[in-house]
């Protein structure tokens, strides 16, 4: 892993490799689906850490359809006791029912959601908790104050080290920062979806991490119009590797968290941190 990929300190006190790991696909092939082999998931987690990923992004609601395989429990089973430099980020914002329907969480729900993550991960304090709002697009005009104030109170209590925001716009960021420090933003952003470039610029100015939750499109977007494949050919790489390398090259506050249930795919993703794109490559992708 090259030095350029180990360049960001979350909140000023949690140094993380800018090529992290997303845990959602450990449990199933998509957000929900048949359970994957938990042994394979644990092996992927251990290999991710071996390869230098010291930021793992997870959530208590990452589980298979039958709820038998859960990302947080896999993380504890595979990696506990945790290394001193390992950072685990989780997110809260929705309350799920037994039939997997969900509603927007309120401030009153935050303690229970945080404590669920603490219990499943075997922690006394969560490193980073994102408040996730809306569904697939930021809910413009919706206040997050009550929910974020509740998380800020839990931070003051010592249950949370740092706070982040997910699926938000610039107004949400400003509203939250008036309540408590925000160290990271997690939005839908990749080489084929750049609508949050201005928000990324704000994060860069304020030294706030920007960590796309679909760095490769999440299986819902064709991220290659031919340019990635052409550049990949020059580097002896894959199109996905070039897409990840582009994210890291775009901003020093960018943190990529690609997820997978495959060791081979994991190794491919992590190797993207060693790819140095040329000025010609970046110009083609601009």
C-alpha atoms as a PDB file:
ATOM      1  CA  UNK A   1       0.000   0.000   0.000  1.00  0.00           C
ATOM      2  CA  UNK A   2       1.511   3.314  -1.056  1.00  0.00           C
ATOM      3  CA  UNK A   3       2.044   6.226   1.310  1.00  0.00           C
ATOM      4  CA  UNK A   4      -0.484   8.325  -0.609  1.00  0.00           C
ATOM      5  CA  UNK A   5      -3.240   6.026   0.573  1.00  0.00           C
ATOM      6  CA  UNK A   6      -2.445   6.587   4.270  1.00  0.00           C
ATOM      7  CA  UNK A   7      -3.030  10.279   4.550  1.00  0.00           C
ATOM      8  CA  UNK A   8      -6.131  11.206   6.522  1.00  0.00           C
ATOM      9  CA  UNK A   9      -6.694  11.659  10.246  1.00  0.00           C
ATOM     10  CA  UNK A  10     -10.378  11.473  11.152  1.00  0.00           C
ATOM     11  CA  UNK A  11     -11.153  14.155  13.698  1.00  0.00           C
ATOM     12  CA  UNK A  12      -7.458  14.872  14.002  1.00  0.00           C
ATOM     13  CA  UNK A  13      -6.827  11.851  16.215  1.00  0.00           C
ATOM     14  CA  UNK A  14      -7.759   8.707  14.221  1.00  0.00           C
ATOM     15  CA  UNK A  15      -5.299   8.149  11.333  1.00  0.00           C
ATOM     16  CA  UNK A  16      -6.838   5.914   8.683  1.00  0.00           C
ATOM     17  CA  UNK A  17      -5.736   4.387   5.431  1.00  0.00           C
ATOM     18  CA  UNK A  18      -7.712   6.112   2.679  1.00  0.00           C
ATOM     19  CA  UNK A  19      -8.542   2.708   1.232  1.00  0.00           C
ATOM     20  CA  UNK A  20     -10.889   1.260   3.802  1.00  0.00           C
ATOM     21  CA  UNK A  21     -13.408  -1.567   3.750  1.00  0.00           C
ATOM     22  CA  UNK A  22     -17.213  -1.588   3.618  1.00  0.00           C
ATOM     23  CA  UNK A  23     -18.863  -4.496   5.446  1.00  0.00           C
ATOM     24  CA  UNK A  24     -22.317  -4.612   3.815  1.00  0.00           C
ATOM     25  CA  UNK A  25     -21.489  -7.286   1.225  1.00  0.00           C
ATOM     26  CA  UNK A  26     -20.005  -9.641   3.791  1.00  0.00           C
ATOM     27  CA  UNK A  27     -23.473 -10.833   4.738  1.00  0.00           C
ATOM     28  CA  UNK A  28     -25.159 -11.061   1.318  1.00  0.00           C
ATOM     29  CA  UNK A  29     -24.565  -9.996  -2.261  1.00  0.00           C
ATOM     30  CA  UNK A  30     -26.685  -6.866  -1.883  1.00  0.00           C
ATOM     31  CA  UNK A  31     -28.324  -4.873   0.892  1.00  0.00           C
ATOM     32  CA  UNK A  32     -30.530  -7.899   1.516  1.00  0.00           C
ATOM     33  CA  UNK A  33     -30.305 -11.431   0.178  1.00  0.00           C
ATOM     34  CA  UNK A  34     -29.428 -15.010   1.070  1.00  0.00           C
ATOM     35  CA  UNK A  35     -26.781 -15.363   3.756  1.00  0.00           C
ATOM     36  CA  UNK A  36     -23.183 -15.709   2.693  1.00  0.00           C
ATOM     37  CA  UNK A  37     -20.828 -18.113   4.442  1.00  0.00           C
ATOM     38  CA  UNK A  38     -19.861 -16.394   7.720  1.00  0.00           C
ATOM     39  CA  UNK A  39     -16.498 -18.173   7.719  1.00  0.00           C
ATOM     40  CA  UNK A  40     -15.685 -16.598   4.378  1.00  0.00           C
ATOM     41  CA  UNK A  41     -16.756 -13.219   5.737  1.00  0.00           C
ATOM     42  CA  UNK A  42     -14.442 -13.516   8.707  1.00  0.00           C
ATOM     43  CA  UNK A  43     -11.589 -14.480   6.382  1.00  0.00           C
ATOM     44  CA  UNK A  44     -12.220 -11.414   4.224  1.00  0.00           C
ATOM     45  CA  UNK A  45     -12.155  -9.146   7.281  1.00  0.00           C
ATOM     46  CA  UNK A  46      -8.867 -10.583   8.520  1.00  0.00           C
ATOM     47  CA  UNK A  47      -7.328 -10.260   5.060  1.00  0.00           C
ATOM     48  CA  UNK A  48      -8.537  -6.661   4.768  1.00  0.00           C
ATOM     49  CA  UNK A  49      -6.694  -5.761   7.944  1.00  0.00           C
ATOM     50  CA  UNK A  50      -3.605  -7.662   6.783  1.00  0.00           C
ATOM     51  CA  UNK A  51      -3.621  -5.580   3.593  1.00  0.00           C
ATOM     52  CA  UNK A  52      -3.706  -2.323   5.515  1.00  0.00           C
ATOM     53  CA  UNK A  53      -7.383  -1.427   5.799  1.00  0.00           C
ATOM     54  CA  UNK A  54      -7.753   0.055   9.266  1.00  0.00           C
ATOM     55  CA  UNK A  55     -11.149   1.686   8.663  1.00  0.00           C
ATOM     56  CA  UNK A  56     -14.114  -0.668   8.545  1.00  0.00           C
ATOM     57  CA  UNK A  57     -17.518   0.778   7.713  1.00  0.00           C
ATOM     58  CA  UNK A  58     -20.516  -1.143   9.030  1.00  0.00           C
ATOM     59  CA  UNK A  59     -24.042  -0.871  10.461  1.00  0.00           C
ATOM     60  CA  UNK A  60     -26.229  -2.933  12.761  1.00  0.00           C
ATOM     61  CA  UNK A  61     -28.777  -3.259   9.929  1.00  0.00           C
ATOM     62  CA  UNK A  62     -26.255  -4.954   7.622  1.00  0.00           C
ATOM     63  CA  UNK A  63     -27.519  -8.513   7.791  1.00  0.00           C
ATOM     64  CA  UNK A  64     -28.767 -11.289   5.530  1.00  0.00           C
ATOM     65  CA  UNK A  65     -32.468 -11.570   4.791  1.00  0.00           C
ATOM     66  CA  UNK A  66     -32.897 -14.294   7.398  1.00  0.00           C
ATOM     67  CA  UNK A  67     -30.825 -12.275   9.901  1.00  0.00           C
ATOM     68  CA  UNK A  68     -28.517 -15.220  10.574  1.00  0.00           C
ATOM     69  CA  UNK A  69     -25.403 -13.410   9.356  1.00  0.00           C
ATOM     70  CA  UNK A  70     -24.733  -9.923  10.701  1.00  0.00           C
ATOM     71  CA  UNK A  71     -21.841  -7.683   9.748  1.00  0.00           C
ATOM     72  CA  UNK A  72     -21.185  -6.343  13.250  1.00  0.00           C
ATOM     73  CA  UNK A  73     -21.007  -9.806  14.749  1.00  0.00           C
ATOM     74  CA  UNK A  74     -18.677 -10.992  11.990  1.00  0.00           C
ATOM     75  CA  UNK A  75     -16.403  -8.046  12.732  1.00  0.00           C
ATOM     76  CA  UNK A  76     -16.246  -8.919  16.425  1.00  0.00           C
ATOM     77  CA  UNK A  77     -15.742 -12.628  15.734  1.00  0.00           C
ATOM     78  CA  UNK A  78     -12.979 -11.989  13.216  1.00  0.00           C
ATOM     79  CA  UNK A  79     -11.079  -9.082  14.742  1.00  0.00           C
ATOM     80  CA  UNK A  80     -11.692  -8.874  18.495  1.00  0.00           C
ATOM     81  CA  UNK A  81      -9.649  -7.900  20.433  1.00  0.00           C
ATOM     82  CA  UNK A  82      -9.299  -4.986  18.046  1.00  0.00           C
ATOM     83  CA  UNK A  83      -5.952  -3.527  17.106  1.00  0.00           C
ATOM     84  CA  UNK A  84      -5.201  -0.108  18.561  1.00  0.00           C
ATOM     85  CA  UNK A  85      -5.176   1.515  15.128  1.00  0.00           C
ATOM     86  CA  UNK A  86      -8.412  -0.079  13.897  1.00  0.00           C
ATOM     87  CA  UNK A  87     -11.270   2.388  13.375  1.00  0.00           C
ATOM     88  CA  UNK A  88     -14.827   1.076  13.117  1.00  0.00           C
ATOM     89  CA  UNK A  89     -17.443   3.410  11.664  1.00  0.00           C
ATOM     90  CA  UNK A  90     -21.143   2.659  11.887  1.00  0.00           C
ATOM     91  CA  UNK A  91     -24.343   4.451  11.007  1.00  0.00           C
ATOM     92  CA  UNK A  92     -27.775   4.966  12.530  1.00  0.00           C
ATOM     93  CA  UNK A  93     -30.883   6.700  11.297  1.00  0.00           C
ATOM     94  CA  UNK A  94     -33.615   4.133  10.667  1.00  0.00           C
ATOM     95  CA  UNK A  95     -35.508   1.724  12.887  1.00  0.00           C
ATOM     96  CA  UNK A  96     -36.150  -1.650  11.253  1.00  0.00           C
ATOM     97  CA  UNK A  97     -39.083  -3.915  12.105  1.00  0.00           C
ATOM     98  CA  UNK A  98     -39.096  -7.706  12.155  1.00  0.00           C
ATOM     99  CA  UNK A  99     -40.450  -7.771   8.576  1.00  0.00           C
ATOM    100  CA  UNK A 100     -37.583  -5.477   7.497  1.00  0.00           C
ATOM    101  CA  UNK A 101     -39.825  -2.479   6.953  1.00  0.00           C
ATOM    102  CA  UNK A 102     -38.373   0.680   8.450  1.00  0.00           C
ATOM    103  CA  UNK A 103     -39.121   4.157   9.638  1.00  0.00           C
ATOM    104  CA  UNK A 104     -37.032   7.242  10.205  1.00  0.00           C
ATOM    105  CA  UNK A 105     -35.460   7.192  13.647  1.00  0.00           C
ATOM    106  CA  UNK A 106     -36.099  10.024  16.068  1.00  0.00           C
ATOM    107  CA  UNK A 107     -33.817  11.528  18.647  1.00  0.00           C
ATOM    108  CA  UNK A 108     -35.422   9.240  21.230  1.00  0.00           C
ATOM    109  CA  UNK A 109     -34.274   6.190  19.242  1.00  0.00           C
ATOM    110  CA  UNK A 110     -30.604   7.150  19.114  1.00  0.00           C
ATOM    111  CA  UNK A 111     -29.468   5.663  22.414  1.00  0.00           C
ATOM    112  CA  UNK A 112     -30.976   2.269  21.605  1.00  0.00           C
ATOM    113  CA  UNK A 113     -29.435   2.252  18.124  1.00  0.00           C
ATOM    114  CA  UNK A 114     -26.015   3.218  19.455  1.00  0.00           C
ATOM    115  CA  UNK A 115     -26.185   0.642  22.240  1.00  0.00           C
ATOM    116  CA  UNK A 116     -27.122  -2.062  19.696  1.00  0.00           C
ATOM    117  CA  UNK A 117     -23.930  -1.318  17.770  1.00  0.00           C
ATOM    118  CA  UNK A 118     -21.862  -1.242  20.953  1.00  0.00           C
ATOM    119  CA  UNK A 119     -23.170  -4.634  22.034  1.00  0.00           C
ATOM    120  CA  UNK A 120     -22.796  -6.355  18.666  1.00  0.00           C
ATOM    121  CA  UNK A 121     -19.262  -5.008  18.160  1.00  0.00           C
ATOM    122  CA  UNK A 122     -18.155  -5.651  21.756  1.00  0.00           C
ATOM    123  CA  UNK A 123     -17.166  -2.024  22.325  1.00  0.00           C
ATOM    124  CA  UNK A 124     -17.541   0.511  25.121  1.00  0.00           C
ATOM    125  CA  UNK A 125     -17.253   3.438  22.703  1.00  0.00           C
ATOM    126  CA  UNK A 126     -17.910   3.737  18.979  1.00  0.00           C
ATOM    127  CA  UNK A 127     -15.140   5.416  16.974  1.00  0.00           C
ATOM    128  CA  UNK A 128     -17.385   7.087  14.405  1.00  0.00           C
ATOM    129  CA  UNK A 129     -21.162   7.188  14.115  1.00  0.00           C
ATOM    130  CA  UNK A 130     -22.823   8.594  11.008  1.00  0.00           C
ATOM    131  CA  UNK A 131     -26.346   9.950  11.191  1.00  0.00           C
ATOM    132  CA  UNK A 132     -27.946   8.599   8.028  1.00  0.00           C
ATOM    133  CA  UNK A 133     -30.978  10.556   6.781  1.00  0.00           C
ATOM    134  CA  UNK A 134     -33.419  10.035   3.927  1.00  0.00           C
ATOM    135  CA  UNK A 135     -33.429   7.120   1.539  1.00  0.00           C
ATOM    136  CA  UNK A 136     -31.335   7.109  -1.671  1.00  0.00           C
ATOM    137  CA  UNK A 137     -31.179  10.897  -2.135  1.00  0.00           C
ATOM    138  CA  UNK A 138     -30.588  13.647   0.432  1.00  0.00           C
ATOM    139  CA  UNK A 139     -33.903  14.880   1.883  1.00  0.00           C
ATOM    140  CA  UNK A 140     -33.436  18.552   1.048  1.00  0.00           C
ATOM    141  CA  UNK A 141     -35.091  20.893   3.532  1.00  0.00           C
ATOM    142  CA  UNK A 142     -35.462  18.258   6.243  1.00  0.00           C
ATOM    143  CA  UNK A 143     -34.007  19.220   9.613  1.00  0.00           C
ATOM    144  CA  UNK A 144     -31.658  16.761  11.285  1.00  0.00           C
ATOM    145  CA  UNK A 145     -31.188  18.836  14.442  1.00  0.00           C
ATOM    146  CA  UNK A 146     -33.177  16.703  16.895  1.00  0.00           C
ATOM    147  CA  UNK A 147     -31.455  13.485  15.826  1.00  0.00           C
ATOM    148  CA  UNK A 148     -27.997  14.995  15.709  1.00  0.00           C
ATOM    149  CA  UNK A 149     -28.439  16.669  19.094  1.00  0.00           C
ATOM    150  CA  UNK A 150     -29.251  13.245  20.569  1.00  0.00           C
ATOM    151  CA  UNK A 151     -26.082  11.768  19.068  1.00  0.00           C
ATOM    152  CA  UNK A 152     -24.062  14.748  20.271  1.00  0.00           C
ATOM    153  CA  UNK A 153     -25.339  14.100  23.808  1.00  0.00           C
ATOM    154  CA  UNK A 154     -24.211  10.469  23.560  1.00  0.00           C
ATOM    155  CA  UNK A 155     -20.829  11.724  22.371  1.00  0.00           C
ATOM    156  CA  UNK A 156     -20.570  13.970  25.412  1.00  0.00           C
ATOM    157  CA  UNK A 157     -21.491  10.958  27.540  1.00  0.00           C
ATOM    158  CA  UNK A 158     -18.519   9.066  26.106  1.00  0.00           C
ATOM    159  CA  UNK A 159     -20.369   6.450  24.031  1.00  0.00           C
ATOM    160  CA  UNK A 160     -19.188   7.960  20.732  1.00  0.00           C
ATOM    161  CA  UNK A 161     -15.793   9.387  19.816  1.00  0.00           C
ATOM    162  CA  UNK A 162     -16.672  11.250  16.593  1.00  0.00           C
ATOM    163  CA  UNK A 163     -19.774  12.065  14.562  1.00  0.00           C
ATOM    164  CA  UNK A 164     -20.466  11.993  10.834  1.00  0.00           C
ATOM    165  CA  UNK A 165     -23.346  12.530   8.419  1.00  0.00           C
ATOM    166  CA  UNK A 166     -24.643  10.411   5.554  1.00  0.00           C
ATOM    167  CA  UNK A 167     -26.864  11.251   2.572  1.00  0.00           C
ATOM    168  CA  UNK A 168     -26.869  14.975   3.229  1.00  0.00           C
ATOM    169  CA  UNK A 169     -26.536  18.335   1.489  1.00  0.00           C
ATOM    170  CA  UNK A 170     -24.568  21.460   2.395  1.00  0.00           C
ATOM    171  CA  UNK A 171     -27.420  22.881   4.496  1.00  0.00           C
ATOM    172  CA  UNK A 172     -27.544  19.690   6.564  1.00  0.00           C
ATOM    173  CA  UNK A 173     -23.799  19.907   7.132  1.00  0.00           C
ATOM    174  CA  UNK A 174     -24.052  23.499   8.317  1.00  0.00           C
ATOM    175  CA  UNK A 175     -27.003  22.664  10.586  1.00  0.00           C
ATOM    176  CA  UNK A 176     -25.142  19.780  12.202  1.00  0.00           C
ATOM    177  CA  UNK A 177     -21.858  21.656  12.624  1.00  0.00           C
ATOM    178  CA  UNK A 178     -23.704  24.326  14.625  1.00  0.00           C
ATOM    179  CA  UNK A 179     -24.512  21.533  17.114  1.00  0.00           C
ATOM    180  CA  UNK A 180     -21.308  19.452  17.271  1.00  0.00           C
ATOM    181  CA  UNK A 181     -18.175  18.759  15.191  1.00  0.00           C
ATOM    182  CA  UNK A 182     -18.623  16.647  12.051  1.00  0.00           C
ATOM    183  CA  UNK A 183     -15.543  14.669  11.013  1.00  0.00           C
ATOM    184  CA  UNK A 184     -16.890  12.739   8.005  1.00  0.00           C
ATOM    185  CA  UNK A 185     -19.562  12.826   5.297  1.00  0.00           C
ATOM    186  CA  UNK A 186     -20.774   9.716   3.477  1.00  0.00           C
ATOM    187  CA  UNK A 187     -22.759  10.335   0.274  1.00  0.00           C
ATOM    188  CA  UNK A 188     -23.462   8.582  -3.023  1.00  0.00           C
ATOM    189  CA  UNK A 189     -20.505   9.596  -5.200  1.00  0.00           C
ATOM    190  CA  UNK A 190     -18.394   7.882  -7.836  1.00  0.00           C
ATOM    191  CA  UNK A 191     -16.780   8.515 -11.200  1.00  0.00           C
ATOM    192  CA  UNK A 192     -20.166   8.483 -12.963  1.00  0.00           C
ATOM    193  CA  UNK A 193     -22.036  10.415 -10.245  1.00  0.00           C
ATOM    194  CA  UNK A 194     -20.379  13.694  -9.283  1.00  0.00           C
ATOM    195  CA  UNK A 195     -23.307  15.825  -8.174  1.00  0.00           C
ATOM    196  CA  UNK A 196     -21.805  16.358  -4.731  1.00  0.00           C
ATOM    197  CA  UNK A 197     -18.579  17.918  -6.025  1.00  0.00           C
ATOM    198  CA  UNK A 198     -19.405  21.211  -4.284  1.00  0.00           C
ATOM    199  CA  UNK A 199     -20.077  19.408  -1.006  1.00  0.00           C
ATOM    200  CA  UNK A 200     -16.763  17.601  -1.408  1.00  0.00           C
ATOM    201  CA  UNK A 201     -15.143  21.011  -1.824  1.00  0.00           C
ATOM    202  CA  UNK A 202     -16.631  22.186   1.473  1.00  0.00           C
ATOM    203  CA  UNK A 203     -15.365  19.040   3.185  1.00  0.00           C
ATOM    204  CA  UNK A 204     -11.898  19.581   1.769  1.00  0.00           C
ATOM    205  CA  UNK A 205     -11.831  23.202   2.959  1.00  0.00           C
ATOM    206  CA  UNK A 206     -12.983  22.174   6.443  1.00  0.00           C
ATOM    207  CA  UNK A 207     -10.785  19.018   6.616  1.00  0.00           C
ATOM    208  CA  UNK A 208     -13.825  16.751   6.848  1.00  0.00           C
ATOM    209  CA  UNK A 209     -13.482  13.253   5.398  1.00  0.00           C
ATOM    210  CA  UNK A 210     -15.633  12.439   2.376  1.00  0.00           C
ATOM    211  CA  UNK A 211     -16.361   8.723   2.049  1.00  0.00           C
ATOM    212  CA  UNK A 212     -18.679   7.618  -0.794  1.00  0.00           C
ATOM    213  CA  UNK A 213     -21.014   4.802   0.192  1.00  0.00           C
ATOM    214  CA  UNK A 214     -21.134   3.582  -3.433  1.00  0.00           C
ATOM    215  CA  UNK A 215     -17.559   4.155  -4.643  1.00  0.00           C
ATOM    216  CA  UNK A 216     -18.126   1.725  -7.540  1.00  0.00           C
ATOM    217  CA  UNK A 217     -21.785   2.496  -8.178  1.00  0.00           C
ATOM    218  CA  UNK A 218     -23.167  -0.087  -5.779  1.00  0.00           C
ATOM    219  CA  UNK A 219     -24.144  -2.370  -8.633  1.00  0.00           C
ATOM    220  CA  UNK A 220     -26.799   0.144  -9.670  1.00  0.00           C
ATOM    221  CA  UNK A 221     -24.819   2.233 -12.156  1.00  0.00           C
ATOM    222  CA  UNK A 222     -22.601   1.629 -15.157  1.00  0.00           C
ATOM    223  CA  UNK A 223     -19.540   3.599 -14.124  1.00  0.00           C
ATOM    224  CA  UNK A 224     -17.497   3.004 -17.280  1.00  0.00           C
ATOM    225  CA  UNK A 225     -18.238   4.771 -20.568  1.00  0.00           C
ATOM    226  CA  UNK A 226     -15.041   3.367 -22.028  1.00  0.00           C
ATOM    227  CA  UNK A 227     -12.598   5.763 -20.455  1.00  0.00           C
ATOM    228  CA  UNK A 228     -11.900   3.632 -17.391  1.00  0.00           C
ATOM    229  CA  UNK A 229     -11.189   0.563 -19.512  1.00  0.00           C
ATOM    230  CA  UNK A 230      -8.852   2.548 -21.751  1.00  0.00           C
ATOM    231  CA  UNK A 231      -6.899   3.922 -18.779  1.00  0.00           C
ATOM    232  CA  UNK A 232      -6.927   0.521 -17.085  1.00  0.00           C
ATOM    233  CA  UNK A 233      -5.253  -0.944 -20.150  1.00  0.00           C
ATOM    234  CA  UNK A 234      -2.397   1.506 -19.812  1.00  0.00           C
ATOM    235  CA  UNK A 235      -1.875   0.560 -16.154  1.00  0.00           C
ATOM    236  CA  UNK A 236      -2.440  -3.186 -16.438  1.00  0.00           C
ATOM    237  CA  UNK A 237      -5.363  -2.719 -14.066  1.00  0.00           C
ATOM    238  CA  UNK A 238      -9.136  -3.191 -14.011  1.00  0.00           C
ATOM    239  CA  UNK A 239     -11.733  -0.502 -14.600  1.00  0.00           C
ATOM    240  CA  UNK A 240     -12.847  -0.737 -10.965  1.00  0.00           C
ATOM    241  CA  UNK A 241      -9.290  -0.198  -9.783  1.00  0.00           C
ATOM    242  CA  UNK A 242      -9.042   2.951 -11.907  1.00  0.00           C
ATOM    243  CA  UNK A 243     -12.370   4.195 -10.520  1.00  0.00           C
ATOM    244  CA  UNK A 244     -11.045   3.770  -6.971  1.00  0.00           C
ATOM    245  CA  UNK A 245      -7.690   5.339  -7.818  1.00  0.00           C
ATOM    246  CA  UNK A 246      -9.565   8.304  -9.321  1.00  0.00           C
ATOM    247  CA  UNK A 247     -11.449   8.855  -6.073  1.00  0.00           C
ATOM    248  CA  UNK A 248      -8.230   8.908  -4.064  1.00  0.00           C
ATOM    249  CA  UNK A 249      -6.609  11.279  -6.557  1.00  0.00           C
ATOM    250  CA  UNK A 250      -9.594  13.637  -6.538  1.00  0.00           C
ATOM    251  CA  UNK A 251      -9.158  14.948  -3.000  1.00  0.00           C
ATOM    252  CA  UNK A 252      -6.903  14.424   0.028  1.00  0.00           C
ATOM    253  CA  UNK A 253      -9.994  14.066   2.231  1.00  0.00           C
ATOM    254  CA  UNK A 254     -11.431  11.238   0.124  1.00  0.00           C
ATOM    255  CA  UNK A 255     -11.710   7.819   1.789  1.00  0.00           C
ATOM    256  CA  UNK A 256     -12.821   4.857  -0.332  1.00  0.00           C
ATOM    257  CA  UNK A 257     -14.703   2.007   1.350  1.00  0.00           C
ATOM    258  CA  UNK A 258     -15.380  -0.606  -1.343  1.00  0.00           C
ATOM    259  CA  UNK A 259     -17.020  -3.747  -0.017  1.00  0.00           C
ATOM    260  CA  UNK A 260     -16.925  -7.376  -1.075  1.00  0.00           C
ATOM    261  CA  UNK A 261     -17.397 -10.914   0.191  1.00  0.00           C
ATOM    262  CA  UNK A 262     -14.505 -12.206  -1.902  1.00  0.00           C
ATOM    263  CA  UNK A 263     -10.820 -12.231  -0.947  1.00  0.00           C
ATOM    264  CA  UNK A 264      -9.808 -11.986  -4.610  1.00  0.00           C
ATOM    265  CA  UNK A 265     -12.001  -8.921  -5.120  1.00  0.00           C
ATOM    266  CA  UNK A 266     -10.750  -7.449  -1.846  1.00  0.00           C
ATOM    267  CA  UNK A 267      -7.140  -7.808  -2.973  1.00  0.00           C
ATOM    268  CA  UNK A 268      -8.011  -6.154  -6.295  1.00  0.00           C
ATOM    269  CA  UNK A 269      -9.647  -3.224  -4.500  1.00  0.00           C
ATOM    270  CA  UNK A 270      -6.818  -2.723  -2.045  1.00  0.00           C
ATOM    271  CA  UNK A 271      -4.234  -2.807  -4.848  1.00  0.00           C
ATOM    272  CA  UNK A 272      -5.956   0.236  -6.366  1.00  0.00           C
ATOM    273  CA  UNK A 273      -4.294   2.278  -3.640  1.00  0.00           C
ATOM    274  CA  UNK A 274      -0.951   1.690  -5.362  1.00  0.00           C
ATOM    275  CA  UNK A 275      -2.065   3.053  -8.736  1.00  0.00           C
ATOM    276  CA  UNK A 276      -0.771   6.534  -9.502  1.00  0.00           C
ATOM    277  CA  UNK A 277      -2.860   8.128 -12.237  1.00  0.00           C
ATOM    278  CA  UNK A 278      -1.075  10.403 -14.686  1.00  0.00           C
ATOM    279  CA  UNK A 279      -2.118  13.923 -15.644  1.00  0.00           C
ATOM    280  CA  UNK A 280      -3.352  12.446 -18.926  1.00  0.00           C
ATOM    281  CA  UNK A 281      -5.490   9.897 -17.044  1.00  0.00           C
ATOM    282  CA  UNK A 282      -7.017  12.555 -14.828  1.00  0.00           C
ATOM    283  CA  UNK A 283      -7.666  14.859 -17.787  1.00  0.00           C
ATOM    284  CA  UNK A 284      -9.526  12.069 -19.582  1.00  0.00           C
ATOM    285  CA  UNK A 285     -11.691  11.516 -16.509  1.00  0.00           C
ATOM    286  CA  UNK A 286     -12.301  15.190 -15.744  1.00  0.00           C
END
